[in-house]
Amino acid sequence: MSDTSTSNSDVEDDIDDVLPISSHVNIIHGLKTVSCLTLDSNGMRMITGGHDETMKMFDFTSMDKNFQAFRTIKPCPGRLLRTIECSANNDMILIVPGDCQAIVLNREGTRLEVFDVN
C-alpha cells in the first residue's frame, strides 16, 4: 500500500509558489525624504511628493510587480513639496510647496491653475 497523501507543508509550499501572498510591499519614491502622501477617494491611486522636488503617481490597478510610478513630474521646480491632496471626485490634485502658492493639476499632472496666497 503506497502513501499518496502529501503533507500540509508541501501543499503550503505549492500555494506560496502560485499565489502572491504578502502583507506588505516596498514602494520607492526616491532617495530623499517623502514629505507628503495622499490616496484618491477610491484608493486606486497614491501620489507622493518629496524633498527631491518630484511628485510620483502610482496606479494600483495597473501596477506590475516592480511597483514603479506611472508618472513622475516636477510641478514646482526648486521648491519642496509640503502637501498633496486629491479632490473629492479625483479629477484634480492640489499641491502646496514650501512657499505661498497653491498649484492645481489635473488627474494626469498637467498644471491648471496657480494661486498666490500673498
C-alpha atoms as a PDB file:
ATOM      1  CA  MET A   1       0.000   0.000   0.000  1.00  0.00           C
ATOM      2  CA  SER A   2       1.611   3.240  -1.097  1.00  0.00           C
ATOM      3  CA  ASP A   3       1.223   6.535   0.707  1.00  0.00           C
ATOM      4  CA  THR A   4      -0.216   9.019  -1.805  1.00  0.00           C
ATOM      5  CA  SER A   5      -1.027  11.710   0.713  1.00  0.00           C
ATOM      6  CA  THR A   6       1.019  14.885   0.842  1.00  0.00           C
ATOM      7  CA  SER A   7       1.976  16.735   3.945  1.00  0.00           C
ATOM      8  CA  ASN A   8       0.473  20.118   4.819  1.00  0.00           C
ATOM      9  CA  SER A   9       3.838  21.826   4.386  1.00  0.00           C
ATOM     10  CA  ASP A  10       4.097  20.533   0.792  1.00  0.00           C
ATOM     11  CA  VAL A  11       0.652  21.951  -0.019  1.00  0.00           C
ATOM     12  CA  GLU A  12       1.525  25.311   1.589  1.00  0.00           C
ATOM     13  CA  ASP A  13       4.777  25.480  -0.407  1.00  0.00           C
ATOM     14  CA  ASP A  14       2.840  24.853  -3.622  1.00  0.00           C
ATOM     15  CA  ILE A  15       0.321  27.599  -2.770  1.00  0.00           C
ATOM     16  CA  ASP A  16       3.107  30.083  -1.974  1.00  0.00           C
ATOM     17  CA  ASP A  17       4.604  29.443  -5.416  1.00  0.00           C
ATOM     18  CA  VAL A  18       1.302  30.187  -7.178  1.00  0.00           C
ATOM     19  CA  LEU A  19      -0.437  32.897  -5.143  1.00  0.00           C
ATOM     20  CA  PRO A  20       1.104  36.336  -4.465  1.00  0.00           C
ATOM     21  CA  ILE A  21       0.667  36.235  -0.706  1.00  0.00           C
ATOM     22  CA  SER A  22       2.273  39.149   1.126  1.00  0.00           C
ATOM     23  CA  SER A  23       1.336  41.550   3.870  1.00  0.00           C
ATOM     24  CA  HIS A  24       3.324  44.497   2.530  1.00  0.00           C
ATOM     25  CA  VAL A  25       5.272  45.870  -0.424  1.00  0.00           C
ATOM     26  CA  ASN A  26       8.026  48.455  -0.700  1.00  0.00           C
ATOM     27  CA  ILE A  27       7.133  51.367  -2.948  1.00  0.00           C
ATOM     28  CA  ILE A  28      10.121  53.607  -3.554  1.00  0.00           C
ATOM     29  CA  HIS A  29       9.632  57.344  -4.128  1.00  0.00           C
ATOM     30  CA  GLY A  30      13.298  58.283  -4.429  1.00  0.00           C
ATOM     31  CA  LEU A  31      16.461  58.857  -2.462  1.00  0.00           C
ATOM     32  CA  LYS A  32      15.243  61.862  -0.445  1.00  0.00           C
ATOM     33  CA  THR A  33      12.559  62.163   2.225  1.00  0.00           C
ATOM     34  CA  VAL A  34       8.887  61.787   1.303  1.00  0.00           C
ATOM     35  CA  SER A  35       7.181  64.887   2.709  1.00  0.00           C
ATOM     36  CA  CYS A  36       3.587  64.292   1.592  1.00  0.00           C
ATOM     37  CA  LEU A  37       1.403  61.415   0.501  1.00  0.00           C
ATOM     38  CA  THR A  38      -2.243  61.049  -0.473  1.00  0.00           C
ATOM     39  CA  LEU A  39      -4.655  58.464  -1.834  1.00  0.00           C
ATOM     40  CA  ASP A  40      -7.545  59.254  -4.135  1.00  0.00           C
ATOM     41  CA  SER A  41     -11.034  58.672  -2.737  1.00  0.00           C
ATOM     42  CA  ASN A  42     -11.282  55.266  -4.443  1.00  0.00           C
ATOM     43  CA  GLY A  43      -7.923  54.101  -3.115  1.00  0.00           C
ATOM     44  CA  MET A  44      -6.806  53.337  -6.679  1.00  0.00           C
ATOM     45  CA  ARG A  45      -4.012  55.914  -6.922  1.00  0.00           C
ATOM     46  CA  MET A  46      -1.353  57.039  -4.495  1.00  0.00           C
ATOM     47  CA  ILE A  47       0.551  60.284  -5.007  1.00  0.00           C
ATOM     48  CA  THR A  48       3.789  61.066  -3.194  1.00  0.00           C
ATOM     49  CA  GLY A  49       5.839  64.246  -3.006  1.00  0.00           C
ATOM     50  CA  GLY A  50       9.231  64.773  -1.520  1.00  0.00           C
ATOM     51  CA  HIS A  51      12.304  66.802  -0.806  1.00  0.00           C
ATOM     52  CA  ASP A  52      13.622  65.859  -4.246  1.00  0.00           C
ATOM     53  CA  GLU A  53      11.001  68.265  -5.707  1.00  0.00           C
ATOM     54  CA  THR A  54       9.223  65.425  -7.540  1.00  0.00           C
ATOM     55  CA  MET A  55       5.678  64.160  -7.440  1.00  0.00           C
ATOM     56  CA  LYS A  56       5.154  60.491  -8.276  1.00  0.00           C
ATOM     57  CA  MET A  57       1.841  58.945  -9.206  1.00  0.00           C
ATOM     58  CA  PHE A  58       1.220  55.251  -8.558  1.00  0.00           C
ATOM     59  CA  ASP A  59      -1.805  53.458 -10.030  1.00  0.00           C
ATOM     60  CA  PHE A  60      -2.577  50.275  -8.089  1.00  0.00           C
ATOM     61  CA  THR A  61      -4.886  48.902 -10.808  1.00  0.00           C
ATOM     62  CA  SER A  62      -2.144  48.810 -13.460  1.00  0.00           C
ATOM     63  CA  MET A  63       0.923  48.394 -11.227  1.00  0.00           C
ATOM     64  CA  ASP A  64       3.211  45.488 -12.068  1.00  0.00           C
ATOM     65  CA  LYS A  65       5.473  43.533  -9.739  1.00  0.00           C
ATOM     66  CA  ASN A  66       8.154  46.273  -9.863  1.00  0.00           C
ATOM     67  CA  PHE A  67       5.841  48.762  -8.065  1.00  0.00           C
ATOM     68  CA  GLN A  68       7.058  51.728 -10.144  1.00  0.00           C
ATOM     69  CA  ALA A  69       5.288  55.070 -10.539  1.00  0.00           C
ATOM     70  CA  PHE A  70       3.472  55.501 -13.841  1.00  0.00           C
ATOM     71  CA  ARG A  71       4.224  59.235 -13.876  1.00  0.00           C
ATOM     72  CA  THR A  72       6.944  61.401 -12.317  1.00  0.00           C
ATOM     73  CA  ILE A  73       6.791  65.190 -12.608  1.00  0.00           C
ATOM     74  CA  LYS A  74       8.377  68.269 -11.045  1.00  0.00           C
ATOM     75  CA  PRO A  75       5.371  70.552 -10.553  1.00  0.00           C
ATOM     76  CA  CYS A  76       7.342  73.204  -8.616  1.00  0.00           C
ATOM     77  CA  PRO A  77      10.996  73.155  -9.716  1.00  0.00           C
ATOM     78  CA  GLY A  78      13.306  74.393  -6.979  1.00  0.00           C
ATOM     79  CA  ARG A  79      10.716  74.014  -4.200  1.00  0.00           C
ATOM     80  CA  LEU A  80       9.998  71.233  -1.730  1.00  0.00           C
ATOM     81  CA  LEU A  81       6.511  69.740  -1.805  1.00  0.00           C
ATOM     82  CA  ARG A  82       4.679  70.136   1.519  1.00  0.00           C
ATOM     83  CA  THR A  83       1.107  68.995   0.832  1.00  0.00           C
ATOM     84  CA  ILE A  84      -0.652  66.982  -1.860  1.00  0.00           C
ATOM     85  CA  GLU A  85      -4.410  66.336  -1.841  1.00  0.00           C
ATOM     86  CA  CYS A  86      -6.872  64.849  -4.335  1.00  0.00           C
ATOM     87  CA  SER A  87     -10.272  66.414  -4.974  1.00  0.00           C
ATOM     88  CA  ALA A  88     -13.383  64.531  -3.837  1.00  0.00           C
ATOM     89  CA  ASN A  89     -14.177  63.351  -7.365  1.00  0.00           C
ATOM     90  CA  ASN A  90     -10.482  62.640  -8.157  1.00  0.00           C
ATOM     91  CA  ASP A  91     -10.275  64.951 -11.174  1.00  0.00           C
ATOM     92  CA  MET A  92      -7.837  67.477  -9.632  1.00  0.00           C
ATOM     93  CA  ILE A  93      -4.745  67.466  -7.431  1.00  0.00           C
ATOM     94  CA  LEU A  94      -3.802  70.308  -5.085  1.00  0.00           C
ATOM     95  CA  ILE A  95      -0.097  70.832  -4.390  1.00  0.00           C
ATOM     96  CA  VAL A  96       1.269  73.252  -1.817  1.00  0.00           C
ATOM     97  CA  PRO A  97       5.036  73.763  -1.977  1.00  0.00           C
ATOM     98  CA  GLY A  98       7.156  75.453   0.682  1.00  0.00           C
ATOM     99  CA  ASP A  99       6.222  78.977  -0.428  1.00  0.00           C
ATOM    100  CA  CYS A 100       2.947  80.907  -0.566  1.00  0.00           C
ATOM    101  CA  GLN A 101       1.430  79.297  -3.643  1.00  0.00           C
ATOM    102  CA  ALA A 102      -1.098  76.576  -4.281  1.00  0.00           C
ATOM    103  CA  ILE A 103      -0.986  74.711  -7.573  1.00  0.00           C
ATOM    104  CA  VAL A 104      -3.869  72.763  -9.088  1.00  0.00           C
ATOM    105  CA  LEU A 105      -3.140  69.939 -11.537  1.00  0.00           C
ATOM    106  CA  ASN A 106      -5.493  67.708 -13.450  1.00  0.00           C
ATOM    107  CA  ARG A 107      -5.583  63.963 -12.834  1.00  0.00           C
ATOM    108  CA  GLU A 108      -2.761  63.383 -15.328  1.00  0.00           C
ATOM    109  CA  GLY A 109      -0.430  66.014 -13.839  1.00  0.00           C
ATOM    110  CA  THR A 110      -0.993  68.961 -16.197  1.00  0.00           C
ATOM    111  CA  ARG A 111      -0.988  72.367 -14.470  1.00  0.00           C
ATOM    112  CA  LEU A 112      -4.409  74.034 -14.454  1.00  0.00           C
ATOM    113  CA  GLU A 113      -4.057  76.965 -12.049  1.00  0.00           C
ATOM    114  CA  VAL A 114      -1.616  78.685  -9.676  1.00  0.00           C
ATOM    115  CA  PHE A 115      -2.892  80.637  -6.673  1.00  0.00           C
ATOM    116  CA  ASP A 116      -0.737  83.162  -4.812  1.00  0.00           C
ATOM    117  CA  VAL A 117      -1.641  83.397  -1.128  1.00  0.00           C
ATOM    118  CA  ASN A 118       0.058  86.784  -0.610  1.00  0.00           C
END
